[in-house]
Amino acid sequence: MPRYKYRCAQCEISKAVFHLISETLSDCDECGGVETMEKLVSTPHIKKDAVIEKQEIGDITKEHIEANREILEQQKQEAKEENYEPS
């Protein structure tokens, strides 16, 4: 769920709230103001792990294909070694 920042126009308290994009916060829990909460414009929160360090998408795809190719070859070998009885 996305995090949104709001500020109350009446008591000027700011807070971050998690909710769906289709929802909005309008009433202040602190001062009891009705329709006083304003959504603030903020930059998105991006985890540092999610940032790709100047790698081309094609290079990343090739790495994953190669890693999975090795796993597939292992599974093929295991399947060849197993004895299947005809049904």
PDB file of N, CA and C in Angstrom:
ATOM      1  N   MET A   1       0.828  -1.174   0.000  1.00  0.00           N
ATOM      2  CA  MET A   1       0.000   0.000   0.000  1.00  0.00           C
ATOM      3  C   MET A   1       0.879   1.246   0.000  1.00  0.00           C
ATOM      4  N   PRO A   2       0.489   2.248  -0.767  1.00  0.00           N
ATOM      5  CA  PRO A   2       1.282   3.478  -0.804  1.00  0.00           C
ATOM      6  C   PRO A   2       1.141   4.297   0.481  1.00  0.00           C
ATOM      7  N   ARG A   3       2.137   5.088   0.724  1.00  0.00           N
ATOM      8  CA  ARG A   3       2.151   5.978   1.882  1.00  0.00           C
ATOM      9  C   ARG A   3       1.948   7.405   1.387  1.00  0.00           C
ATOM     10  N   TYR A   4       1.022   8.105   2.024  1.00  0.00           N
ATOM     11  CA  TYR A   4       0.724   9.481   1.657  1.00  0.00           C
ATOM     12  C   TYR A   4       0.949  10.388   2.860  1.00  0.00           C
ATOM     13  N   LYS A   5       1.387  11.611   2.595  1.00  0.00           N
ATOM     14  CA  LYS A   5       1.590  12.586   3.664  1.00  0.00           C
ATOM     15  C   LYS A   5       0.448  13.591   3.643  1.00  0.00           C
ATOM     16  N   TYR A   6      -0.062  13.874   4.830  1.00  0.00           N
ATOM     17  CA  TYR A   6      -1.169  14.818   4.993  1.00  0.00           C
ATOM     18  C   TYR A   6      -0.800  15.870   6.029  1.00  0.00           C
ATOM     19  N   ARG A   7      -1.432  17.057   5.904  1.00  0.00           N
ATOM     20  CA  ARG A   7      -1.261  18.120   6.889  1.00  0.00           C
ATOM     21  C   ARG A   7      -2.642  18.697   7.175  1.00  0.00           C
ATOM     22  N   CYS A   8      -2.899  18.919   8.451  1.00  0.00           N
ATOM     23  CA  CYS A   8      -4.177  19.491   8.871  1.00  0.00           C
ATOM     24  C   CYS A   8      -4.095  21.011   8.748  1.00  0.00           C
ATOM     25  N   ALA A   9      -5.066  21.608   8.089  1.00  0.00           N
ATOM     26  CA  ALA A   9      -5.102  23.060   7.917  1.00  0.00           C
ATOM     27  C   ALA A   9      -5.471  23.767   9.218  1.00  0.00           C
ATOM     28  N   GLN A  10      -6.086  23.046  10.143  1.00  0.00           N
ATOM     29  CA  GLN A  10      -6.530  23.660  11.394  1.00  0.00           C
ATOM     30  C   GLN A  10      -5.436  23.617  12.460  1.00  0.00           C
ATOM     31  N   CYS A  11      -4.918  22.425  12.754  1.00  0.00           N
ATOM     32  CA  CYS A  11      -3.907  22.312  13.822  1.00  0.00           C
ATOM     33  C   CYS A  11      -2.483  22.207  13.280  1.00  0.00           C
ATOM     34  N   GLU A  12      -2.326  22.114  11.961  1.00  0.00           N
ATOM     35  CA  GLU A  12      -1.048  22.075  11.251  1.00  0.00           C
ATOM     36  C   GLU A  12      -0.167  20.888  11.620  1.00  0.00           C
ATOM     37  N   ILE A  13      -0.766  19.792  12.063  1.00  0.00           N
ATOM     38  CA  ILE A  13       0.007  18.582  12.326  1.00  0.00           C
ATOM     39  C   ILE A  13       0.169  17.830  11.004  1.00  0.00           C
ATOM     40  N   SER A  14       1.339  17.226  10.806  1.00  0.00           N
ATOM     41  CA  SER A  14       1.606  16.438   9.604  1.00  0.00           C
ATOM     42  C   SER A  14       1.748  14.984   9.995  1.00  0.00           C
ATOM     43  N   LYS A  15       1.283  14.092   9.097  1.00  0.00           N
ATOM     44  CA  LYS A  15       1.450  12.674   9.370  1.00  0.00           C
ATOM     45  C   LYS A  15       1.419  11.893   8.070  1.00  0.00           C
ATOM     46  N   ALA A  16       2.039  10.717   8.115  1.00  0.00           N
ATOM     47  CA  ALA A  16       2.060   9.805   6.974  1.00  0.00           C
ATOM     48  C   ALA A  16       1.031   8.719   7.217  1.00  0.00           C
ATOM     49  N   VAL A  17       0.278   8.402   6.177  1.00  0.00           N
ATOM     50  CA  VAL A  17      -0.804   7.429   6.292  1.00  0.00           C
ATOM     51  C   VAL A  17      -0.699   6.439   5.140  1.00  0.00           C
ATOM     52  N   PHE A  18      -0.886   5.153   5.441  1.00  0.00           N
ATOM     53  CA  PHE A  18      -0.925   4.118   4.417  1.00  0.00           C
ATOM     54  C   PHE A  18      -2.385   3.863   4.059  1.00  0.00           C
ATOM     55  N   HIS A  19      -2.709   3.951   2.776  1.00  0.00           N
ATOM     56  CA  HIS A  19      -4.053   3.606   2.314  1.00  0.00           C
ATOM     57  C   HIS A  19      -4.029   3.376   0.818  1.00  0.00           C
ATOM     58  N   LEU A  20      -5.135   2.839   0.299  1.00  0.00           N
ATOM     59  CA  LEU A  20      -5.254   2.589  -1.127  1.00  0.00           C
ATOM     60  C   LEU A  20      -5.291   3.897  -1.901  1.00  0.00           C
ATOM     61  N   ILE A  21      -4.948   3.824  -3.170  1.00  0.00           N
ATOM     62  CA  ILE A  21      -4.933   5.028  -3.994  1.00  0.00           C
ATOM     63  C   ILE A  21      -6.334   5.607  -4.146  1.00  0.00           C
ATOM     64  N   SER A  22      -7.361   4.767  -4.067  1.00  0.00           N
ATOM     65  CA  SER A  22      -8.740   5.233  -4.218  1.00  0.00           C
ATOM     66  C   SER A  22      -9.294   5.879  -2.945  1.00  0.00           C
ATOM     67  N   GLU A  23      -8.592   5.757  -1.839  1.00  0.00           N
ATOM     68  CA  GLU A  23      -9.048   6.327  -0.576  1.00  0.00           C
ATOM     69  C   GLU A  23      -8.429   7.703  -0.338  1.00  0.00           C
ATOM     70  N   THR A  24      -9.066   8.489   0.506  1.00  0.00           N
ATOM     71  CA  THR A  24      -8.511   9.780   0.917  1.00  0.00           C
ATOM     72  C   THR A  24      -8.767   9.977   2.408  1.00  0.00           C
ATOM     73  N   LEU A  25      -7.973  10.834   3.002  1.00  0.00           N
ATOM     74  CA  LEU A  25      -8.135  11.179   4.411  1.00  0.00           C
ATOM     75  C   LEU A  25      -8.620  12.623   4.460  1.00  0.00           C
ATOM     76  N   SER A  26      -9.736  12.868   5.109  1.00  0.00           N
ATOM     77  CA  SER A  26     -10.272  14.233   5.120  1.00  0.00           C
ATOM     78  C   SER A  26     -10.391  14.814   6.527  1.00  0.00           C
ATOM     79  N   ASP A  27     -10.636  13.977   7.524  1.00  0.00           N
ATOM     80  CA  ASP A  27     -10.840  14.469   8.888  1.00  0.00           C
ATOM     81  C   ASP A  27      -9.589  14.244   9.734  1.00  0.00           C
ATOM     82  N   CYS A  28      -9.265  15.207  10.570  1.00  0.00           N
ATOM     83  CA  CYS A  28      -8.086  15.138  11.441  1.00  0.00           C
ATOM     84  C   CYS A  28      -8.433  14.400  12.728  1.00  0.00           C
ATOM     85  N   ASP A  29      -7.649  13.378  13.054  1.00  0.00           N
ATOM     86  CA  ASP A  29      -7.852  12.612  14.284  1.00  0.00           C
ATOM     87  C   ASP A  29      -7.368  13.378  15.511  1.00  0.00           C
ATOM     88  N   GLU A  30      -6.409  14.261  15.327  1.00  0.00           N
ATOM     89  CA  GLU A  30      -5.800  14.972  16.452  1.00  0.00           C
ATOM     90  C   GLU A  30      -6.709  16.072  17.008  1.00  0.00           C
ATOM     91  N   CYS A  31      -7.166  16.960  16.114  1.00  0.00           N
ATOM     92  CA  CYS A  31      -7.965  18.096  16.587  1.00  0.00           C
ATOM     93  C   CYS A  31      -9.460  17.916  16.348  1.00  0.00           C
ATOM     94  N   GLY A  32      -9.823  16.877  15.600  1.00  0.00           N
ATOM     95  CA  GLY A  32     -11.231  16.635  15.316  1.00  0.00           C
ATOM     96  C   GLY A  32     -11.786  17.483  14.192  1.00  0.00           C
ATOM     97  N   GLY A  33     -10.917  18.135  13.451  1.00  0.00           N
ATOM     98  CA  GLY A  33     -11.355  18.980  12.345  1.00  0.00           C
ATOM     99  C   GLY A  33     -11.971  18.158  11.226  1.00  0.00           C
ATOM    100  N   VAL A  34     -13.044  18.680  10.650  1.00  0.00           N
ATOM    101  CA  VAL A  34     -13.737  17.996   9.561  1.00  0.00           C
ATOM    102  C   VAL A  34     -13.312  18.624   8.241  1.00  0.00           C
ATOM    103  N   GLU A  35     -12.911  17.750   7.292  1.00  0.00           N
ATOM    104  CA  GLU A  35     -12.467  18.194   5.967  1.00  0.00           C
ATOM    105  C   GLU A  35     -11.280  19.153   6.045  1.00  0.00           C
ATOM    106  N   THR A  36     -10.363  18.926   6.986  1.00  0.00           N
ATOM    107  CA  THR A  36      -9.224  19.832   7.156  1.00  0.00           C
ATOM    108  C   THR A  36      -7.898  19.231   6.690  1.00  0.00           C
ATOM    109  N   MET A  37      -7.876  17.946   6.361  1.00  0.00           N
ATOM    110  CA  MET A  37      -6.624  17.298   5.957  1.00  0.00           C
ATOM    111  C   MET A  37      -6.341  17.563   4.483  1.00  0.00           C
ATOM    112  N   GLU A  38      -5.114  18.001   4.194  1.00  0.00           N
ATOM    113  CA  GLU A  38      -4.669  18.268   2.831  1.00  0.00           C
ATOM    114  C   GLU A  38      -3.561  17.297   2.487  1.00  0.00           C
ATOM    115  N   LYS A  39      -3.671  16.659   1.323  1.00  0.00           N
ATOM    116  CA  LYS A  39      -2.623  15.742   0.882  1.00  0.00           C
ATOM    117  C   LYS A  39      -1.437  16.565   0.403  1.00  0.00           C
ATOM    118  N   LEU A  40      -0.246  16.237   0.886  1.00  0.00           N
ATOM    119  CA  LEU A  40       0.965  16.955   0.499  1.00  0.00           C
ATOM    120  C   LEU A  40       1.636  16.252  -0.665  1.00  0.00           C
ATOM    121  N   VAL A  41       2.283  17.025  -1.490  1.00  0.00           N
ATOM    122  CA  VAL A  41       3.058  16.463  -2.588  1.00  0.00           C
ATOM    123  C   VAL A  41       4.389  16.008  -2.018  1.00  0.00           C
ATOM    124  N   SER A  42       4.751  14.765  -2.302  1.00  0.00           N
ATOM    125  CA  SER A  42       6.012  14.241  -1.772  1.00  0.00           C
ATOM    126  C   SER A  42       6.681  13.359  -2.811  1.00  0.00           C
ATOM    127  N   THR A  43       7.955  13.156  -2.632  1.00  0.00           N
ATOM    128  CA  THR A  43       8.692  12.282  -3.535  1.00  0.00           C
ATOM    129  C   THR A  43       8.445  10.833  -3.127  1.00  0.00           C
ATOM    130  N   PRO A  44       8.428   9.926  -4.081  1.00  0.00           N
ATOM    131  CA  PRO A  44       8.190   8.524  -3.738  1.00  0.00           C
ATOM    132  C   PRO A  44       9.356   7.945  -2.955  1.00  0.00           C
ATOM    133  N   HIS A  45       9.035   7.000  -2.102  1.00  0.00           N
ATOM    134  CA  HIS A  45      10.057   6.316  -1.303  1.00  0.00           C
ATOM    135  C   HIS A  45      10.568   5.122  -2.100  1.00  0.00           C
ATOM    136  N   ILE A  46      11.837   5.146  -2.460  1.00  0.00           N
ATOM    137  CA  ILE A  46      12.428   4.066  -3.240  1.00  0.00           C
ATOM    138  C   ILE A  46      13.484   3.394  -2.385  1.00  0.00           C
ATOM    139  N   LYS A  47      13.360   2.072  -2.272  1.00  0.00           N
ATOM    140  CA  LYS A  47      14.356   1.324  -1.512  1.00  0.00           C
ATOM    141  C   LYS A  47      15.657   1.300  -2.285  1.00  0.00           C
ATOM    142  N   LYS A  48      16.770   1.384  -1.572  1.00  0.00           N
ATOM    143  CA  LYS A  48      18.073   1.380  -2.228  1.00  0.00           C
ATOM    144  C   LYS A  48      18.344   0.057  -2.932  1.00  0.00           C
ATOM    145  N   ASP A  49      17.766  -1.034  -2.421  1.00  0.00           N
ATOM    146  CA  ASP A  49      17.955  -2.338  -3.053  1.00  0.00           C
ATOM    147  C   ASP A  49      17.298  -2.397  -4.425  1.00  0.00           C
ATOM    148  N   ALA A  50      16.272  -1.603  -4.622  1.00  0.00           N
ATOM    149  CA  ALA A  50      15.519  -1.641  -5.870  1.00  0.00           C
ATOM    150  C   ALA A  50      16.222  -0.881  -7.000  1.00  0.00           C
ATOM    151  N   VAL A  51      17.196  -0.067  -6.694  1.00  0.00           N
ATOM    152  CA  VAL A  51      17.881   0.721  -7.707  1.00  0.00           C
ATOM    153  C   VAL A  51      18.901  -0.157  -8.428  1.00  0.00           C
ATOM    154  N   ILE A  52      18.823  -0.183  -9.740  1.00  0.00           N
ATOM    155  CA  ILE A  52      19.754  -0.969 -10.548  1.00  0.00           C
ATOM    156  C   ILE A  52      20.938  -0.085 -10.899  1.00  0.00           C
ATOM    157  N   GLU A  53      22.113  -0.603 -10.697  1.00  0.00           N
ATOM    158  CA  GLU A  53      23.331   0.175 -10.891  1.00  0.00           C
ATOM    159  C   GLU A  53      23.797   0.138 -12.338  1.00  0.00           C
ATOM    160  N   LYS A  54      23.248   0.981 -13.168  1.00  0.00           N
ATOM    161  CA  LYS A  54      23.704   1.190 -14.547  1.00  0.00           C
ATOM    162  C   LYS A  54      23.863  -0.105 -15.329  1.00  0.00           C
ATOM    163  N   GLN A  55      23.027  -1.094 -15.085  1.00  0.00           N
ATOM    164  CA  GLN A  55      23.067  -2.313 -15.868  1.00  0.00           C
ATOM    165  C   GLN A  55      21.963  -2.242 -16.904  1.00  0.00           C
ATOM    166  N   GLU A  56      22.269  -2.694 -18.074  1.00  0.00           N
ATOM    167  CA  GLU A  56      21.252  -2.737 -19.112  1.00  0.00           C
ATOM    168  C   GLU A  56      20.270  -3.854 -18.788  1.00  0.00           C
ATOM    169  N   ILE A  57      19.027  -3.646 -19.134  1.00  0.00           N
ATOM    170  CA  ILE A  57      18.008  -4.648 -18.863  1.00  0.00           C
ATOM    171  C   ILE A  57      18.347  -5.947 -19.585  1.00  0.00           C
ATOM    172  N   GLY A  58      18.888  -5.858 -20.771  1.00  0.00           N
ATOM    173  CA  GLY A  58      19.285  -7.054 -21.515  1.00  0.00           C
ATOM    174  C   GLY A  58      20.336  -7.861 -20.766  1.00  0.00           C
ATOM    175  N   ASP A  59      21.289  -7.171 -20.119  1.00  0.00           N
ATOM    176  CA  ASP A  59      22.321  -7.864 -19.357  1.00  0.00           C
ATOM    177  C   ASP A  59      21.723  -8.603 -18.165  1.00  0.00           C
ATOM    178  N   ILE A  60      20.782  -7.962 -17.492  1.00  0.00           N
ATOM    179  CA  ILE A  60      20.130  -8.581 -16.337  1.00  0.00           C
ATOM    180  C   ILE A  60      19.348  -9.811 -16.791  1.00  0.00           C
ATOM    181  N   THR A  61      18.651  -9.680 -17.921  1.00  0.00           N
ATOM    182  CA  THR A  61      17.874 -10.794 -18.462  1.00  0.00           C
ATOM    183  C   THR A  61      18.792 -11.960 -18.810  1.00  0.00           C
ATOM    184  N   LYS A  62      19.921 -11.681 -19.437  1.00  0.00           N
ATOM    185  CA  LYS A  62      20.873 -12.738 -19.800  1.00  0.00           C
ATOM    186  C   LYS A  62      21.396 -13.453 -18.559  1.00  0.00           C
ATOM    187  N   GLU A  63      21.674 -12.697 -17.501  1.00  0.00           N
ATOM    188  CA  GLU A  63      22.152 -13.311 -16.259  1.00  0.00           C
ATOM    189  C   GLU A  63      21.121 -14.286 -15.700  1.00  0.00           C
ATOM    190  N   HIS A  64      19.867 -13.872 -15.699  1.00  0.00           N
ATOM    191  CA  HIS A  64      18.808 -14.733 -15.174  1.00  0.00           C
ATOM    192  C   HIS A  64      18.601 -15.964 -16.056  1.00  0.00           C
ATOM    193  N   ILE A  65      18.687 -15.782 -17.366  1.00  0.00           N
ATOM    194  CA  ILE A  65      18.540 -16.919 -18.277  1.00  0.00           C
ATOM    195  C   ILE A  65      19.655 -17.929 -18.040  1.00  0.00           C
ATOM    196  N   GLU A  66      20.889 -17.458 -17.917  1.00  0.00           N
ATOM    197  CA  GLU A  66      22.021 -18.359 -17.676  1.00  0.00           C
ATOM    198  C   GLU A  66      21.874 -19.097 -16.350  1.00  0.00           C
ATOM    199  N   ALA A  67      21.446 -18.395 -15.304  1.00  0.00           N
ATOM    200  CA  ALA A  67      21.271 -19.035 -14.003  1.00  0.00           C
ATOM    201  C   ALA A  67      20.185 -20.103 -14.075  1.00  0.00           C
ATOM    202  N   ASN A  68      19.101 -19.814 -14.765  1.00  0.00           N
ATOM    203  CA  ASN A  68      18.023 -20.790 -14.880  1.00  0.00           C
ATOM    204  C   ASN A  68      18.368 -21.918 -15.839  1.00  0.00           C
ATOM    205  N   ARG A  69      19.218 -21.654 -16.805  1.00  0.00           N
ATOM    206  CA  ARG A  69      19.655 -22.703 -17.735  1.00  0.00           C
ATOM    207  C   ARG A  69      20.415 -23.786 -16.972  1.00  0.00           C
ATOM    208  N   GLU A  70      21.257 -23.384 -16.035  1.00  0.00           N
ATOM    209  CA  GLU A  70      22.002 -24.359 -15.231  1.00  0.00           C
ATOM    210  C   GLU A  70      21.045 -25.207 -14.389  1.00  0.00           C
ATOM    211  N   ILE A  71      20.043 -24.587 -13.815  1.00  0.00           N
ATOM    212  CA  ILE A  71      19.060 -25.322 -13.013  1.00  0.00           C
ATOM    213  C   ILE A  71      18.290 -26.298 -13.898  1.00  0.00           C
ATOM    214  N   LEU A  72      17.923 -25.863 -15.096  1.00  0.00           N
ATOM    215  CA  LEU A  72      17.193 -26.719 -16.021  1.00  0.00           C
ATOM    216  C   LEU A  72      18.028 -27.931 -16.429  1.00  0.00           C
ATOM    217  N   GLU A  73      19.307 -27.722 -16.675  1.00  0.00           N
ATOM    218  CA  GLU A  73      20.185 -28.847 -17.034  1.00  0.00           C
ATOM    219  C   GLU A  73      20.285 -29.856 -15.892  1.00  0.00           C
ATOM    220  N   GLN A  74      20.361 -29.376 -14.660  1.00  0.00           N
ATOM    221  CA  GLN A  74      20.392 -30.266 -13.498  1.00  0.00           C
ATOM    222  C   GLN A  74      19.109 -31.071 -13.409  1.00  0.00           C
ATOM    223  N   GLN A  75      17.982 -30.424 -13.640  1.00  0.00           N
ATOM    224  CA  GLN A  75      16.704 -31.117 -13.575  1.00  0.00           C
ATOM    225  C   GLN A  75      16.570 -32.142 -14.695  1.00  0.00           C
ATOM    226  N   LYS A  76      17.103 -31.843 -15.878  1.00  0.00           N
ATOM    227  CA  LYS A  76      17.089 -32.808 -16.983  1.00  0.00           C
ATOM    228  C   LYS A  76      17.901 -34.043 -16.631  1.00  0.00           C
ATOM    229  N   GLN A  77      19.075 -33.829 -16.026  1.00  0.00           N
ATOM    230  CA  GLN A  77      19.922 -34.954 -15.624  1.00  0.00           C
ATOM    231  C   GLN A  77      19.206 -35.818 -14.590  1.00  0.00           C
ATOM    232  N   GLU A  78      18.590 -35.202 -13.614  1.00  0.00           N
ATOM    233  CA  GLU A  78      17.870 -35.948 -12.592  1.00  0.00           C
ATOM    234  C   GLU A  78      16.719 -36.738 -13.212  1.00  0.00           C
ATOM    235  N   ALA A  79      16.032 -36.141 -14.183  1.00  0.00           N
ATOM    236  CA  ALA A  79      14.918 -36.825 -14.833  1.00  0.00           C
ATOM    237  C   ALA A  79      15.409 -38.022 -15.640  1.00  0.00           C
ATOM    238  N   LYS A  80      16.571 -37.908 -16.277  1.00  0.00           N
ATOM    239  CA  LYS A  80      17.128 -39.019 -17.049  1.00  0.00           C
ATOM    240  C   LYS A  80      17.545 -40.166 -16.147  1.00  0.00           C
ATOM    241  N   GLU A  81      18.010 -39.850 -14.948  1.00  0.00           N
ATOM    242  CA  GLU A  81      18.486 -40.879 -14.025  1.00  0.00           C
ATOM    243  C   GLU A  81      17.352 -41.634 -13.345  1.00  0.00           C
ATOM    244  N   GLU A  82      16.164 -41.053 -13.289  1.00  0.00           N
ATOM    245  CA  GLU A  82      15.045 -41.718 -12.643  1.00  0.00           C
ATOM    246  C   GLU A  82      14.485 -42.795 -13.560  1.00  0.00           C
ATOM    247  N   ASN A  83      13.996 -43.855 -12.972  1.00  0.00           N
ATOM    248  CA  ASN A  83      13.387 -44.942 -13.723  1.00  0.00           C
ATOM    249  C   ASN A  83      11.864 -44.781 -13.659  1.00  0.00           C
ATOM    250  N   TYR A  84      11.278 -44.674 -14.819  1.00  0.00           N
ATOM    251  CA  TYR A  84       9.839 -44.550 -14.877  1.00  0.00           C
ATOM    252  C   TYR A  84       9.244 -45.878 -15.340  1.00  0.00           C
ATOM    253  N   GLU A  85       8.179 -46.293 -14.705  1.00  0.00           N
ATOM    254  CA  GLU A  85       7.498 -47.507 -15.122  1.00  0.00           C
ATOM    255  C   GLU A  85       6.398 -47.132 -16.096  1.00  0.00           C
ATOM    256  N   PRO A  86       6.293 -47.893 -17.194  1.00  0.00           N
ATOM    257  CA  PRO A  86       5.244 -47.564 -18.156  1.00  0.00           C
ATOM    258  C   PRO A  86       3.856 -47.744 -17.545  1.00  0.00           C
ATOM    259  N   SER A  87       2.923 -46.930 -17.945  1.00  0.00           N
ATOM    260  CA  SER A  87       1.578 -47.042 -17.390  1.00  0.00           C
ATOM    261  C   SER A  87       0.620 -47.718 -18.331  1.00  0.00           C
TER     262      SER A  87
END
